[in-house]
Amino acid sequence: MGLASALDVTVWAYAKEHGLVIVSKDADFRHLGFTYEHPPKIIWIRRGNCSTGEIEALLRQHHDSVLAFYEDEQEVVLVLI
């Protein structure tokens, strides 16, 4: 998609346009979630250094919470620790 070095607001706009949820360890997306109206929604990973596999496991572990968050029209940010 060519967004690896894109500005956060560019990623935000892309996610909004395509109906995506942003999963990030970057607090900047959390701030954008409260600055701009959603969509997109943000899943903010609050972990130190960790692998992609660990993030995948965390998301799978919280599958039900992620689905409930996705379906809740009022919630903007889900924090996973």
PDB file of N, CA and C in Angstrom:
ATOM      1  N   MET A   1       0.809  -1.184   0.000  1.00  0.00           N
ATOM      2  CA  MET A   1       0.000   0.000   0.000  1.00  0.00           C
ATOM      3  C   MET A   1       0.861   1.259   0.000  1.00  0.00           C
ATOM      4  N   GLY A   2       2.149   1.077   0.246  1.00  0.00           N
ATOM      5  CA  GLY A   2       3.061   2.199   0.197  1.00  0.00           C
ATOM      6  C   GLY A   2       2.946   3.164   1.366  1.00  0.00           C
ATOM      7  N   LEU A   3       2.503   2.672   2.519  1.00  0.00           N
ATOM      8  CA  LEU A   3       2.297   3.552   3.667  1.00  0.00           C
ATOM      9  C   LEU A   3       3.344   3.384   4.763  1.00  0.00           C
ATOM     10  N   ALA A   4       4.373   2.594   4.516  1.00  0.00           N
ATOM     11  CA  ALA A   4       5.367   2.300   5.550  1.00  0.00           C
ATOM     12  C   ALA A   4       6.017   3.567   6.111  1.00  0.00           C
ATOM     13  N   SER A   5       6.258   4.546   5.285  1.00  0.00           N
ATOM     14  CA  SER A   5       6.887   5.777   5.765  1.00  0.00           C
ATOM     15  C   SER A   5       5.926   6.969   5.694  1.00  0.00           C
ATOM     16  N   ALA A   6       4.642   6.680   5.587  1.00  0.00           N
ATOM     17  CA  ALA A   6       3.637   7.744   5.470  1.00  0.00           C
ATOM     18  C   ALA A   6       3.401   8.433   6.810  1.00  0.00           C
ATOM     19  N   LEU A   7       2.952   9.657   6.756  1.00  0.00           N
ATOM     20  CA  LEU A   7       2.562  10.387   7.954  1.00  0.00           C
ATOM     21  C   LEU A   7       1.350   9.707   8.598  1.00  0.00           C
ATOM     22  N   ASP A   8       1.234   9.854   9.912  1.00  0.00           N
ATOM     23  CA  ASP A   8       0.112   9.244  10.627  1.00  0.00           C
ATOM     24  C   ASP A   8      -1.237   9.670  10.052  1.00  0.00           C
ATOM     25  N   VAL A   9      -1.372  10.940   9.694  1.00  0.00           N
ATOM     26  CA  VAL A   9      -2.656  11.405   9.163  1.00  0.00           C
ATOM     27  C   VAL A   9      -2.966  10.772   7.811  1.00  0.00           C
ATOM     28  N   THR A  10      -1.932  10.407   7.053  1.00  0.00           N
ATOM     29  CA  THR A  10      -2.140   9.719   5.772  1.00  0.00           C
ATOM     30  C   THR A  10      -2.638   8.300   6.018  1.00  0.00           C
ATOM     31  N   VAL A  11      -2.038   7.624   6.988  1.00  0.00           N
ATOM     32  CA  VAL A  11      -2.487   6.273   7.363  1.00  0.00           C
ATOM     33  C   VAL A  11      -3.921   6.356   7.878  1.00  0.00           C
ATOM     34  N   TRP A  12      -4.203   7.366   8.698  1.00  0.00           N
ATOM     35  CA  TRP A  12      -5.548   7.582   9.239  1.00  0.00           C
ATOM     36  C   TRP A  12      -6.571   7.720   8.106  1.00  0.00           C
ATOM     37  N   ALA A  13      -6.255   8.573   7.144  1.00  0.00           N
ATOM     38  CA  ALA A  13      -7.170   8.811   6.019  1.00  0.00           C
ATOM     39  C   ALA A  13      -7.386   7.538   5.210  1.00  0.00           C
ATOM     40  N   TYR A  14      -6.321   6.775   4.990  1.00  0.00           N
ATOM     41  CA  TYR A  14      -6.436   5.522   4.237  1.00  0.00           C
ATOM     42  C   TYR A  14      -7.343   4.536   4.979  1.00  0.00           C
ATOM     43  N   ALA A  15      -7.111   4.396   6.284  1.00  0.00           N
ATOM     44  CA  ALA A  15      -7.928   3.475   7.083  1.00  0.00           C
ATOM     45  C   ALA A  15      -9.395   3.909   7.081  1.00  0.00           C
ATOM     46  N   LYS A  16      -9.614   5.202   7.181  1.00  0.00           N
ATOM     47  CA  LYS A  16     -10.993   5.713   7.169  1.00  0.00           C
ATOM     48  C   LYS A  16     -11.663   5.421   5.834  1.00  0.00           C
ATOM     49  N   GLU A  17     -10.958   5.687   4.752  1.00  0.00           N
ATOM     50  CA  GLU A  17     -11.510   5.480   3.411  1.00  0.00           C
ATOM     51  C   GLU A  17     -11.837   4.022   3.134  1.00  0.00           C
ATOM     52  N   HIS A  18     -11.050   3.108   3.706  1.00  0.00           N
ATOM     53  CA  HIS A  18     -11.212   1.687   3.415  1.00  0.00           C
ATOM     54  C   HIS A  18     -11.884   0.898   4.547  1.00  0.00           C
ATOM     55  N   GLY A  19     -12.375   1.587   5.569  1.00  0.00           N
ATOM     56  CA  GLY A  19     -13.084   0.913   6.655  1.00  0.00           C
ATOM     57  C   GLY A  19     -12.217  -0.005   7.489  1.00  0.00           C
ATOM     58  N   LEU A  20     -10.969   0.400   7.726  1.00  0.00           N
ATOM     59  CA  LEU A  20     -10.023  -0.432   8.466  1.00  0.00           C
ATOM     60  C   LEU A  20      -9.893   0.025   9.917  1.00  0.00           C
ATOM     61  N   VAL A  21      -9.405  -0.875  10.753  1.00  0.00           N
ATOM     62  CA  VAL A  21      -9.050  -0.564  12.135  1.00  0.00           C
ATOM     63  C   VAL A  21      -7.527  -0.463  12.176  1.00  0.00           C
ATOM     64  N   ILE A  22      -7.009   0.566  12.836  1.00  0.00           N
ATOM     65  CA  ILE A  22      -5.566   0.729  12.970  1.00  0.00           C
ATOM     66  C   ILE A  22      -5.120   0.040  14.259  1.00  0.00           C
ATOM     67  N   VAL A  23      -4.148  -0.850  14.134  1.00  0.00           N
ATOM     68  CA  VAL A  23      -3.532  -1.505  15.286  1.00  0.00           C
ATOM     69  C   VAL A  23      -2.116  -0.963  15.367  1.00  0.00           C
ATOM     70  N   SER A  24      -1.790  -0.335  16.500  1.00  0.00           N
ATOM     71  CA  SER A  24      -0.498   0.327  16.593  1.00  0.00           C
ATOM     72  C   SER A  24      -0.001   0.376  18.023  1.00  0.00           C
ATOM     73  N   LYS A  25       1.322   0.433  18.162  1.00  0.00           N
ATOM     74  CA  LYS A  25       1.941   0.692  19.456  1.00  0.00           C
ATOM     75  C   LYS A  25       2.219   2.185  19.612  1.00  0.00           C
ATOM     76  N   ASP A  26       1.941   2.956  18.596  1.00  0.00           N
ATOM     77  CA  ASP A  26       2.227   4.384  18.544  1.00  0.00           C
ATOM     78  C   ASP A  26       1.122   5.177  19.228  1.00  0.00           C
ATOM     79  N   ALA A  27       1.466   5.923  20.279  1.00  0.00           N
ATOM     80  CA  ALA A  27       0.473   6.726  21.009  1.00  0.00           C
ATOM     81  C   ALA A  27      -0.110   7.834  20.144  1.00  0.00           C
ATOM     82  N   ASP A  28       0.594   8.221  19.082  1.00  0.00           N
ATOM     83  CA  ASP A  28       0.081   9.283  18.209  1.00  0.00           C
ATOM     84  C   ASP A  28      -1.277   8.924  17.616  1.00  0.00           C
ATOM     85  N   PHE A  29      -1.483   7.658  17.284  1.00  0.00           N
ATOM     86  CA  PHE A  29      -2.778   7.249  16.729  1.00  0.00           C
ATOM     87  C   PHE A  29      -3.874   7.375  17.791  1.00  0.00           C
ATOM     88  N   ARG A  30      -3.532   7.096  19.035  1.00  0.00           N
ATOM     89  CA  ARG A  30      -4.501   7.266  20.118  1.00  0.00           C
ATOM     90  C   ARG A  30      -4.930   8.729  20.178  1.00  0.00           C
ATOM     91  N   HIS A  31      -3.979   9.628  20.083  1.00  0.00           N
ATOM     92  CA  HIS A  31      -4.302  11.061  20.110  1.00  0.00           C
ATOM     93  C   HIS A  31      -5.162  11.454  18.908  1.00  0.00           C
ATOM     94  N   LEU A  32      -4.849  10.915  17.746  1.00  0.00           N
ATOM     95  CA  LEU A  32      -5.664  11.200  16.565  1.00  0.00           C
ATOM     96  C   LEU A  32      -7.090  10.702  16.771  1.00  0.00           C
ATOM     97  N   GLY A  33      -7.220   9.571  17.466  1.00  0.00           N
ATOM     98  CA  GLY A  33      -8.540   9.008  17.732  1.00  0.00           C
ATOM     99  C   GLY A  33      -9.434   9.938  18.530  1.00  0.00           C
ATOM    100  N   PHE A  34      -8.828  10.787  19.351  1.00  0.00           N
ATOM    101  CA  PHE A  34      -9.611  11.735  20.143  1.00  0.00           C
ATOM    102  C   PHE A  34      -9.675  13.109  19.499  1.00  0.00           C
ATOM    103  N   THR A  35      -8.784  13.362  18.541  1.00  0.00           N
ATOM    104  CA  THR A  35      -8.772  14.642  17.844  1.00  0.00           C
ATOM    105  C   THR A  35      -9.776  14.650  16.699  1.00  0.00           C
ATOM    106  N   TYR A  36      -9.774  13.563  15.927  1.00  0.00           N
ATOM    107  CA  TYR A  36     -10.685  13.435  14.791  1.00  0.00           C
ATOM    108  C   TYR A  36     -11.768  12.435  15.157  1.00  0.00           C
ATOM    109  N   GLU A  37     -12.899  12.567  14.515  1.00  0.00           N
ATOM    110  CA  GLU A  37     -13.969  11.594  14.753  1.00  0.00           C
ATOM    111  C   GLU A  37     -13.630  10.283  14.048  1.00  0.00           C
ATOM    112  N   HIS A  38     -14.112   9.201  14.621  1.00  0.00           N
ATOM    113  CA  HIS A  38     -13.900   7.914  13.970  1.00  0.00           C
ATOM    114  C   HIS A  38     -15.025   7.657  12.985  1.00  0.00           C
ATOM    115  N   PRO A  39     -14.895   6.803  12.027  1.00  0.00           N
ATOM    116  CA  PRO A  39     -13.784   5.876  11.894  1.00  0.00           C
ATOM    117  C   PRO A  39     -12.523   6.567  11.425  1.00  0.00           C
ATOM    118  N   PRO A  40     -11.411   5.922  11.484  1.00  0.00           N
ATOM    119  CA  PRO A  40     -11.193   4.538  11.912  1.00  0.00           C
ATOM    120  C   PRO A  40     -11.076   4.423  13.421  1.00  0.00           C
ATOM    121  N   LYS A  41     -11.193   3.206  13.867  1.00  0.00           N
ATOM    122  CA  LYS A  41     -10.987   2.893  15.271  1.00  0.00           C
ATOM    123  C   LYS A  41      -9.517   2.532  15.459  1.00  0.00           C
ATOM    124  N   ILE A  42      -9.048   2.652  16.713  1.00  0.00           N
ATOM    125  CA  ILE A  42      -7.657   2.386  17.024  1.00  0.00           C
ATOM    126  C   ILE A  42      -7.560   1.301  18.086  1.00  0.00           C
ATOM    127  N   ILE A  43      -6.748   0.292  17.830  1.00  0.00           N
ATOM    128  CA  ILE A  43      -6.365  -0.664  18.863  1.00  0.00           C
ATOM    129  C   ILE A  43      -4.926  -0.310  19.219  1.00  0.00           C
ATOM    130  N   TRP A  44      -4.751   0.182  20.452  1.00  0.00           N
ATOM    131  CA  TRP A  44      -3.453   0.663  20.909  1.00  0.00           C
ATOM    132  C   TRP A  44      -2.798  -0.425  21.752  1.00  0.00           C
ATOM    133  N   ILE A  45      -1.691  -0.951  21.276  1.00  0.00           N
ATOM    134  CA  ILE A  45      -0.947  -2.008  21.951  1.00  0.00           C
ATOM    135  C   ILE A  45       0.022  -1.355  22.932  1.00  0.00           C
ATOM    136  N   ARG A  46      -0.152  -1.610  24.213  1.00  0.00           N
ATOM    137  CA  ARG A  46       0.698  -1.033  25.253  1.00  0.00           C
ATOM    138  C   ARG A  46       1.694  -2.087  25.741  1.00  0.00           C
ATOM    139  N   ARG A  47       2.585  -2.479  24.887  1.00  0.00           N
ATOM    140  CA  ARG A  47       3.626  -3.443  25.224  1.00  0.00           C
ATOM    141  C   ARG A  47       4.968  -2.851  24.866  1.00  0.00           C
ATOM    142  N   GLY A  48       5.984  -3.251  25.569  1.00  0.00           N
ATOM    143  CA  GLY A  48       7.339  -2.841  25.221  1.00  0.00           C
ATOM    144  C   GLY A  48       7.771  -3.546  23.946  1.00  0.00           C
ATOM    145  N   ASN A  49       9.039  -3.754  23.819  1.00  0.00           N
ATOM    146  CA  ASN A  49       9.570  -4.463  22.664  1.00  0.00           C
ATOM    147  C   ASN A  49       8.936  -5.843  22.577  1.00  0.00           C
ATOM    148  N   CYS A  50       8.308  -6.140  21.465  1.00  0.00           N
ATOM    149  CA  CYS A  50       7.711  -7.461  21.287  1.00  0.00           C
ATOM    150  C   CYS A  50       7.638  -7.780  19.799  1.00  0.00           C
ATOM    151  N   SER A  51       7.528  -9.040  19.511  1.00  0.00           N
ATOM    152  CA  SER A  51       7.508  -9.497  18.121  1.00  0.00           C
ATOM    153  C   SER A  51       6.105  -9.388  17.530  1.00  0.00           C
ATOM    154  N   THR A  52       6.052  -9.485  16.223  1.00  0.00           N
ATOM    155  CA  THR A  52       4.757  -9.516  15.530  1.00  0.00           C
ATOM    156  C   THR A  52       3.945 -10.703  16.014  1.00  0.00           C
ATOM    157  N   GLY A  53       4.607 -11.836  16.264  1.00  0.00           N
ATOM    158  CA  GLY A  53       3.920 -13.022  16.769  1.00  0.00           C
ATOM    159  C   GLY A  53       3.283 -12.779  18.124  1.00  0.00           C
ATOM    160  N   GLU A  54       3.963 -12.026  18.987  1.00  0.00           N
ATOM    161  CA  GLU A  54       3.404 -11.700  20.297  1.00  0.00           C
ATOM    162  C   GLU A  54       2.192 -10.782  20.170  1.00  0.00           C
ATOM    163  N   ILE A  55       2.250  -9.863  19.233  1.00  0.00           N
ATOM    164  CA  ILE A  55       1.097  -8.986  18.992  1.00  0.00           C
ATOM    165  C   ILE A  55      -0.068  -9.790  18.449  1.00  0.00           C
ATOM    166  N   GLU A  56       0.220 -10.705  17.524  1.00  0.00           N
ATOM    167  CA  GLU A  56      -0.833 -11.573  16.997  1.00  0.00           C
ATOM    168  C   GLU A  56      -1.473 -12.376  18.129  1.00  0.00           C
ATOM    169  N   ALA A  57      -0.650 -12.944  19.010  1.00  0.00           N
ATOM    170  CA  ALA A  57      -1.176 -13.728  20.134  1.00  0.00           C
ATOM    171  C   ALA A  57      -2.034 -12.862  21.048  1.00  0.00           C
ATOM    172  N   LEU A  58      -1.613 -11.632  21.288  1.00  0.00           N
ATOM    173  CA  LEU A  58      -2.387 -10.715  22.126  1.00  0.00           C
ATOM    174  C   LEU A  58      -3.753 -10.434  21.505  1.00  0.00           C
ATOM    175  N   LEU A  59      -3.770 -10.168  20.208  1.00  0.00           N
ATOM    176  CA  LEU A  59      -5.035  -9.908  19.519  1.00  0.00           C
ATOM    177  C   LEU A  59      -5.948 -11.133  19.552  1.00  0.00           C
ATOM    178  N   ARG A  60      -5.366 -12.305  19.356  1.00  0.00           N
ATOM    179  CA  ARG A  60      -6.166 -13.535  19.416  1.00  0.00           C
ATOM    180  C   ARG A  60      -6.712 -13.775  20.823  1.00  0.00           C
ATOM    181  N   GLN A  61      -5.884 -13.501  21.826  1.00  0.00           N
ATOM    182  CA  GLN A  61      -6.293 -13.678  23.219  1.00  0.00           C
ATOM    183  C   GLN A  61      -7.476 -12.777  23.557  1.00  0.00           C
ATOM    184  N   HIS A  62      -7.529 -11.605  22.958  1.00  0.00           N
ATOM    185  CA  HIS A  62      -8.601 -10.635  23.231  1.00  0.00           C
ATOM    186  C   HIS A  62      -9.625 -10.558  22.097  1.00  0.00           C
ATOM    187  N   HIS A  63      -9.765 -11.638  21.368  1.00  0.00           N
ATOM    188  CA  HIS A  63     -10.652 -11.698  20.206  1.00  0.00           C
ATOM    189  C   HIS A  63     -12.050 -11.167  20.517  1.00  0.00           C
ATOM    190  N   ASP A  64     -12.652 -11.637  21.598  1.00  0.00           N
ATOM    191  CA  ASP A  64     -14.022 -11.226  21.935  1.00  0.00           C
ATOM    192  C   ASP A  64     -14.090  -9.729  22.237  1.00  0.00           C
ATOM    193  N   SER A  65     -13.097  -9.221  22.938  1.00  0.00           N
ATOM    194  CA  SER A  65     -13.054  -7.786  23.249  1.00  0.00           C
ATOM    195  C   SER A  65     -12.881  -6.954  21.986  1.00  0.00           C
ATOM    196  N   VAL A  66     -12.045  -7.443  21.071  1.00  0.00           N
ATOM    197  CA  VAL A  66     -11.816  -6.730  19.810  1.00  0.00           C
ATOM    198  C   VAL A  66     -13.110  -6.676  18.998  1.00  0.00           C
ATOM    199  N   LEU A  67     -13.817  -7.785  18.920  1.00  0.00           N
ATOM    200  CA  LEU A  67     -15.090  -7.807  18.178  1.00  0.00           C
ATOM    201  C   LEU A  67     -16.116  -6.867  18.810  1.00  0.00           C
ATOM    202  N   ALA A  68     -16.230  -6.901  20.126  1.00  0.00           N
ATOM    203  CA  ALA A  68     -17.179  -6.018  20.810  1.00  0.00           C
ATOM    204  C   ALA A  68     -16.807  -4.557  20.564  1.00  0.00           C
ATOM    205  N   PHE A  69     -15.522  -4.249  20.612  1.00  0.00           N
ATOM    206  CA  PHE A  69     -15.030  -2.899  20.344  1.00  0.00           C
ATOM    207  C   PHE A  69     -15.383  -2.470  18.923  1.00  0.00           C
ATOM    208  N   TYR A  70     -15.161  -3.346  17.976  1.00  0.00           N
ATOM    209  CA  TYR A  70     -15.432  -3.054  16.567  1.00  0.00           C
ATOM    210  C   TYR A  70     -16.908  -2.736  16.338  1.00  0.00           C
ATOM    211  N   GLU A  71     -17.758  -3.460  17.021  1.00  0.00           N
ATOM    212  CA  GLU A  71     -19.196  -3.297  16.826  1.00  0.00           C
ATOM    213  C   GLU A  71     -19.793  -2.125  17.609  1.00  0.00           C
ATOM    214  N   ASP A  72     -19.072  -1.615  18.601  1.00  0.00           N
ATOM    215  CA  ASP A  72     -19.565  -0.504  19.418  1.00  0.00           C
ATOM    216  C   ASP A  72     -19.294   0.814  18.696  1.00  0.00           C
ATOM    217  N   GLU A  73     -20.353   1.482  18.263  1.00  0.00           N
ATOM    218  CA  GLU A  73     -20.208   2.717  17.479  1.00  0.00           C
ATOM    219  C   GLU A  73     -19.653   3.883  18.282  1.00  0.00           C
ATOM    220  N   GLN A  74     -19.722   3.817  19.599  1.00  0.00           N
ATOM    221  CA  GLN A  74     -19.265   4.926  20.440  1.00  0.00           C
ATOM    222  C   GLN A  74     -17.786   4.854  20.794  1.00  0.00           C
ATOM    223  N   GLU A  75     -17.224   3.666  20.848  1.00  0.00           N
ATOM    224  CA  GLU A  75     -15.830   3.496  21.267  1.00  0.00           C
ATOM    225  C   GLU A  75     -14.866   3.851  20.147  1.00  0.00           C
ATOM    226  N   VAL A  76     -13.783   4.535  20.502  1.00  0.00           N
ATOM    227  CA  VAL A  76     -12.797   4.976  19.535  1.00  0.00           C
ATOM    228  C   VAL A  76     -11.483   4.225  19.684  1.00  0.00           C
ATOM    229  N   VAL A  77     -11.054   4.010  20.929  1.00  0.00           N
ATOM    230  CA  VAL A  77      -9.750   3.396  21.196  1.00  0.00           C
ATOM    231  C   VAL A  77      -9.923   2.209  22.130  1.00  0.00           C
ATOM    232  N   LEU A  78      -9.301   1.090  21.777  1.00  0.00           N
ATOM    233  CA  LEU A  78      -9.216  -0.085  22.638  1.00  0.00           C
ATOM    234  C   LEU A  78      -7.755  -0.240  23.022  1.00  0.00           C
ATOM    235  N   VAL A  79      -7.471  -0.311  24.304  1.00  0.00           N
ATOM    236  CA  VAL A  79      -6.112  -0.467  24.793  1.00  0.00           C
ATOM    237  C   VAL A  79      -5.898  -1.922  25.196  1.00  0.00           C
ATOM    238  N   LEU A  80      -4.864  -2.536  24.645  1.00  0.00           N
ATOM    239  CA  LEU A  80      -4.495  -3.898  25.011  1.00  0.00           C
ATOM    240  C   LEU A  80      -3.111  -3.884  25.637  1.00  0.00           C
ATOM    241  N   ILE A  81      -2.997  -4.525  26.802  1.00  0.00           N
ATOM    242  CA  ILE A  81      -1.725  -4.546  27.527  1.00  0.00           C
ATOM    243  C   ILE A  81      -1.157  -5.949  27.515  1.00  0.00           C
TER     244      ILE A  81
END
